[in-house]
Protein backbone atom coordinates (compact mmCIF):
# COMPACT_ATOMS: atom_id res chain seq x y z
CA UNK A 1 -70.04 -49.74 -3.63
CA UNK A 2 -67.20 -47.74 -4.88
CA UNK A 3 -68.48 -44.61 -3.66
CA UNK A 4 -68.27 -46.26 -0.10
CA UNK A 5 -64.95 -47.49 -0.48
CA UNK A 6 -63.94 -43.99 -1.18
CA UNK A 7 -65.79 -42.43 1.84
CA UNK A 8 -64.25 -45.41 3.95
CA UNK A 9 -60.97 -44.30 2.65
CA UNK A 10 -61.28 -40.93 3.62
CA UNK A 11 -62.32 -41.26 6.84
CA UNK A 12 -59.82 -43.81 8.13
CA UNK A 13 -56.29 -42.52 9.06
CA UNK A 14 -53.95 -43.61 6.68
CA UNK A 15 -56.08 -45.38 4.18
CA UNK A 16 -57.80 -48.71 4.13
CA UNK A 17 -54.95 -50.51 3.14
CA UNK A 18 -52.51 -48.64 5.64
CA UNK A 19 -51.13 -50.61 8.83
CA UNK A 20 -53.68 -49.92 11.94
CA UNK A 21 -52.59 -50.03 15.64
CA UNK A 22 -53.35 -49.10 19.05
CA UNK A 23 -56.78 -49.08 18.82
CA UNK A 24 -59.85 -51.57 18.19
CA UNK A 25 -59.58 -52.71 14.70
CA UNK A 26 -62.33 -53.05 12.42
CA UNK A 27 -61.32 -55.79 9.85
CA UNK A 28 -63.56 -54.62 7.50
CA UNK A 29 -61.72 -56.31 4.56
CA UNK A 30 -63.10 -56.02 1.19
CA UNK A 31 -65.48 -59.33 2.04
CA UNK A 32 -66.37 -57.58 5.37
CA UNK A 33 -66.95 -54.12 4.10
CA UNK A 34 -68.69 -55.82 0.89
CA UNK A 35 -71.09 -58.25 3.69
CA UNK A 36 -72.02 -55.60 5.85
CA UNK A 37 -72.83 -53.08 2.96
CA UNK A 38 -75.00 -55.17 0.94
CA UNK A 39 -77.96 -53.90 1.03
CA UNK A 40 -76.56 -50.43 0.46
CA UNK A 41 -75.27 -50.86 -2.86
CA UNK A 42 -78.71 -52.07 -3.80
CA UNK A 43 -80.49 -48.22 -2.97
CA UNK A 44 -81.12 -46.25 -5.58
CA UNK A 45 -79.90 -42.71 -5.61
CA UNK A 46 -81.86 -39.89 -4.58
CA UNK A 47 -85.08 -38.83 -6.25
CA UNK A 48 -85.70 -42.43 -7.30
CA UNK A 49 -87.95 -44.80 -6.13
CA UNK A 50 -87.54 -46.45 -2.70
CA UNK A 51 -85.72 -50.01 -2.66
CA UNK A 52 -87.56 -52.82 -2.32
CA UNK A 53 -86.34 -56.09 -0.32
CA UNK A 54 -86.37 -57.73 -4.20
CA UNK A 55 -83.45 -55.19 -4.82
CA UNK A 56 -81.58 -56.31 -1.63
CA UNK A 57 -79.22 -59.09 -2.42
CA UNK A 58 -79.09 -62.32 -0.65
CA UNK A 59 -75.80 -62.68 1.90
CA UNK A 60 -75.27 -66.14 3.79
CA UNK A 61 -72.05 -66.60 5.88
CA UNK A 62 -71.34 -69.56 7.92
CA UNK A 63 -68.69 -69.48 10.72
CA UNK A 64 -67.68 -72.73 12.09
CA UNK A 65 -65.24 -72.39 15.60
CA UNK A 66 -62.75 -75.49 15.36
CA UNK A 67 -60.20 -77.23 17.82
CA UNK A 68 -56.34 -77.93 16.86
CA UNK A 69 -57.82 -81.29 15.61
CA UNK A 70 -60.07 -79.40 12.89
CA UNK A 71 -63.74 -80.62 15.26
CA UNK A 72 -66.09 -78.21 14.86
CA UNK A 73 -66.94 -76.78 18.07
CA UNK A 74 -69.42 -73.67 17.09
CA UNK A 75 -71.27 -72.66 14.14
CA UNK A 76 -72.75 -69.26 13.44
CA UNK A 77 -74.99 -69.65 10.20
CA UNK A 78 -76.75 -66.30 9.18
CA UNK A 79 -78.81 -65.44 6.06
CA UNK A 80 -80.37 -62.01 5.52
CA UNK A 81 -81.18 -59.40 2.85
CA UNK A 82 -81.36 -56.87 5.39
CA UNK A 83 -79.86 -57.80 8.42
CA UNK A 84 -81.98 -58.55 11.53
CA UNK A 85 -81.64 -58.64 15.03
CA UNK A 86 -80.76 -62.78 14.68
CA UNK A 87 -77.59 -61.98 12.31
CA UNK A 88 -75.83 -59.68 14.27
CA UNK A 89 -73.54 -62.68 16.10
CA UNK A 90 -72.39 -62.86 12.16
CA UNK A 91 -71.97 -59.36 11.71
CA UNK A 92 -70.37 -58.77 15.39
CA UNK A 93 -67.75 -61.86 14.85
CA UNK A 94 -66.73 -60.55 11.29
CA UNK A 95 -66.27 -56.83 12.52
CA UNK A 96 -63.75 -56.67 14.83
CA UNK A 97 -60.50 -59.17 15.32
CA UNK A 98 -60.93 -58.34 18.86
CA UNK A 99 -64.05 -60.18 18.68
CA UNK A 100 -63.36 -63.05 16.82
CA UNK A 101 -60.40 -63.71 18.60
CA UNK A 102 -62.31 -63.71 22.32
CA UNK A 103 -65.14 -65.99 20.46
CA UNK A 104 -62.88 -68.46 19.30
CA UNK A 105 -61.19 -68.52 22.78
CA UNK A 106 -64.35 -68.38 24.72
CA UNK A 107 -65.31 -71.84 22.81
CA UNK A 108 -61.99 -73.55 23.51
CA UNK A 109 -61.02 -73.65 19.96
CA UNK A 110 -57.87 -72.27 17.84
CA UNK A 111 -59.32 -71.18 14.17
CA UNK A 112 -62.78 -70.44 12.72
CA UNK A 113 -63.51 -70.39 9.24
CA UNK A 114 -65.95 -68.40 7.41
CA UNK A 115 -67.77 -68.72 4.27
CA UNK A 116 -69.97 -65.61 2.92
CA UNK A 117 -71.71 -65.78 -0.32
CA UNK A 118 -73.80 -63.09 -2.20
CA UNK A 119 -74.46 -62.06 -5.45
CA UNK A 120 -70.71 -62.03 -7.38
CA UNK A 121 -68.34 -62.98 -4.23
CA UNK A 122 -67.53 -66.29 -2.50
CA UNK A 123 -65.12 -65.84 -0.11
CA UNK A 124 -63.98 -68.14 2.51
CA UNK A 125 -62.05 -66.47 5.53
CA UNK A 126 -59.64 -68.18 7.66
CA UNK A 127 -59.01 -66.85 11.32
CA UNK A 128 -55.88 -69.15 12.97
CA UNK A 129 -53.75 -68.96 15.91
CA UNK A 130 -50.46 -69.08 14.96
CA UNK A 131 -47.44 -70.67 16.84
CA UNK A 132 -45.96 -67.35 17.80
CA UNK A 133 -49.40 -66.64 19.65
CA UNK A 134 -49.56 -63.76 16.59
CA UNK A 135 -53.00 -64.47 14.40
CA UNK A 136 -53.89 -64.87 10.83
CA UNK A 137 -56.52 -63.96 8.89
CA UNK A 138 -56.83 -65.04 5.60
CA UNK A 139 -59.36 -63.97 3.09
CA UNK A 140 -58.90 -66.09 -0.39
CA UNK A 141 -62.06 -66.21 -3.06
CA UNK A 142 -63.94 -64.35 -5.42
CA UNK A 143 -65.51 -60.71 -6.00
CA UNK A 144 -67.11 -60.25 -9.06
CA UNK A 145 -65.37 -62.75 -11.23
CA UNK A 146 -61.95 -61.07 -9.38
CA UNK A 147 -59.40 -63.31 -7.69
CA UNK A 148 -59.11 -62.00 -4.08
CA UNK A 149 -56.16 -63.15 -2.09
CA UNK A 150 -55.63 -60.85 1.53
CA UNK A 151 -55.65 -60.32 5.55
CA UNK A 152 -54.06 -59.32 8.59
CA UNK A 153 -51.36 -60.25 10.91
CA UNK A 154 -52.71 -59.49 14.21
CA UNK A 155 -51.03 -59.35 17.75
CA UNK A 156 -52.45 -61.70 20.26
CA UNK A 157 -55.02 -59.32 21.72
CA UNK A 158 -56.08 -58.06 18.53
CA UNK A 159 -54.69 -54.34 19.09
CA UNK A 160 -52.65 -54.20 16.09
CA UNK A 161 -52.85 -55.56 12.85
CA UNK A 162 -50.57 -55.80 9.60
CA UNK A 163 -52.26 -55.93 6.33
CA UNK A 164 -51.14 -58.11 3.21
CA UNK A 165 -52.52 -58.46 -0.02
CA UNK A 166 -51.46 -60.86 -2.77
CA UNK A 167 -53.48 -59.90 -5.99
CA UNK A 168 -55.03 -62.62 -6.29
CA UNK A 169 -52.54 -64.76 -6.45
CA UNK A 170 -52.10 -68.38 -4.92
CA UNK A 171 -49.73 -67.88 -2.31
CA UNK A 172 -49.06 -65.52 0.18
CA UNK A 173 -46.68 -66.83 2.60
CA UNK A 174 -43.89 -64.23 1.95
CA UNK A 175 -46.20 -61.79 2.34
CA UNK A 176 -47.59 -63.29 5.77
CA UNK A 177 -44.24 -63.31 6.90
CA UNK A 178 -43.35 -59.99 5.80
CA UNK A 179 -46.55 -58.54 7.54
CA UNK A 180 -45.68 -60.57 10.57
CA UNK A 181 -42.54 -59.26 10.68
CA UNK A 182 -43.73 -55.75 10.39
CA UNK A 183 -46.05 -56.18 13.20
CA UNK A 184 -43.23 -57.80 15.72
CA UNK A 185 -40.85 -54.09 14.57
CA UNK A 186 -44.09 -52.15 16.15
């Protein structure tokens, strides 16, 4: 996994944690990246025995789109060791903020809550529309026992996002405000 993160860092202008603007943005936060590559981390180095299905980690994710009152409007539920065609709906939702925001709005919602679990990870990701029209994506949980709490503040169209991270701390209000302020200046 760390090799994949290093490769991703090198391939991304400004680094993984840098601000991204002016293009479709893959929201490959640590959980999305880990989810999308859960099977890749189980692969054996070159020259060793082939990877079998027993070597792949089971990934479970459920995404619920809700209205302002919290009433569930639509649910996506996926489970895989190696993603299949029916898992694409979940992978697509979490791959790009524009896709997620569009799905939420098409369902008549204002937020979505995602719960993803796989070996060593238990993460909750909330996508919510803020009063000023921007979106907040908040990821909170644990990966390999380490507390995580990070996310992004994005423009209404999802074209620009500013990342924030509080290194597992419980409260993120100041970090979210700073990211939103930075987003408004761009």
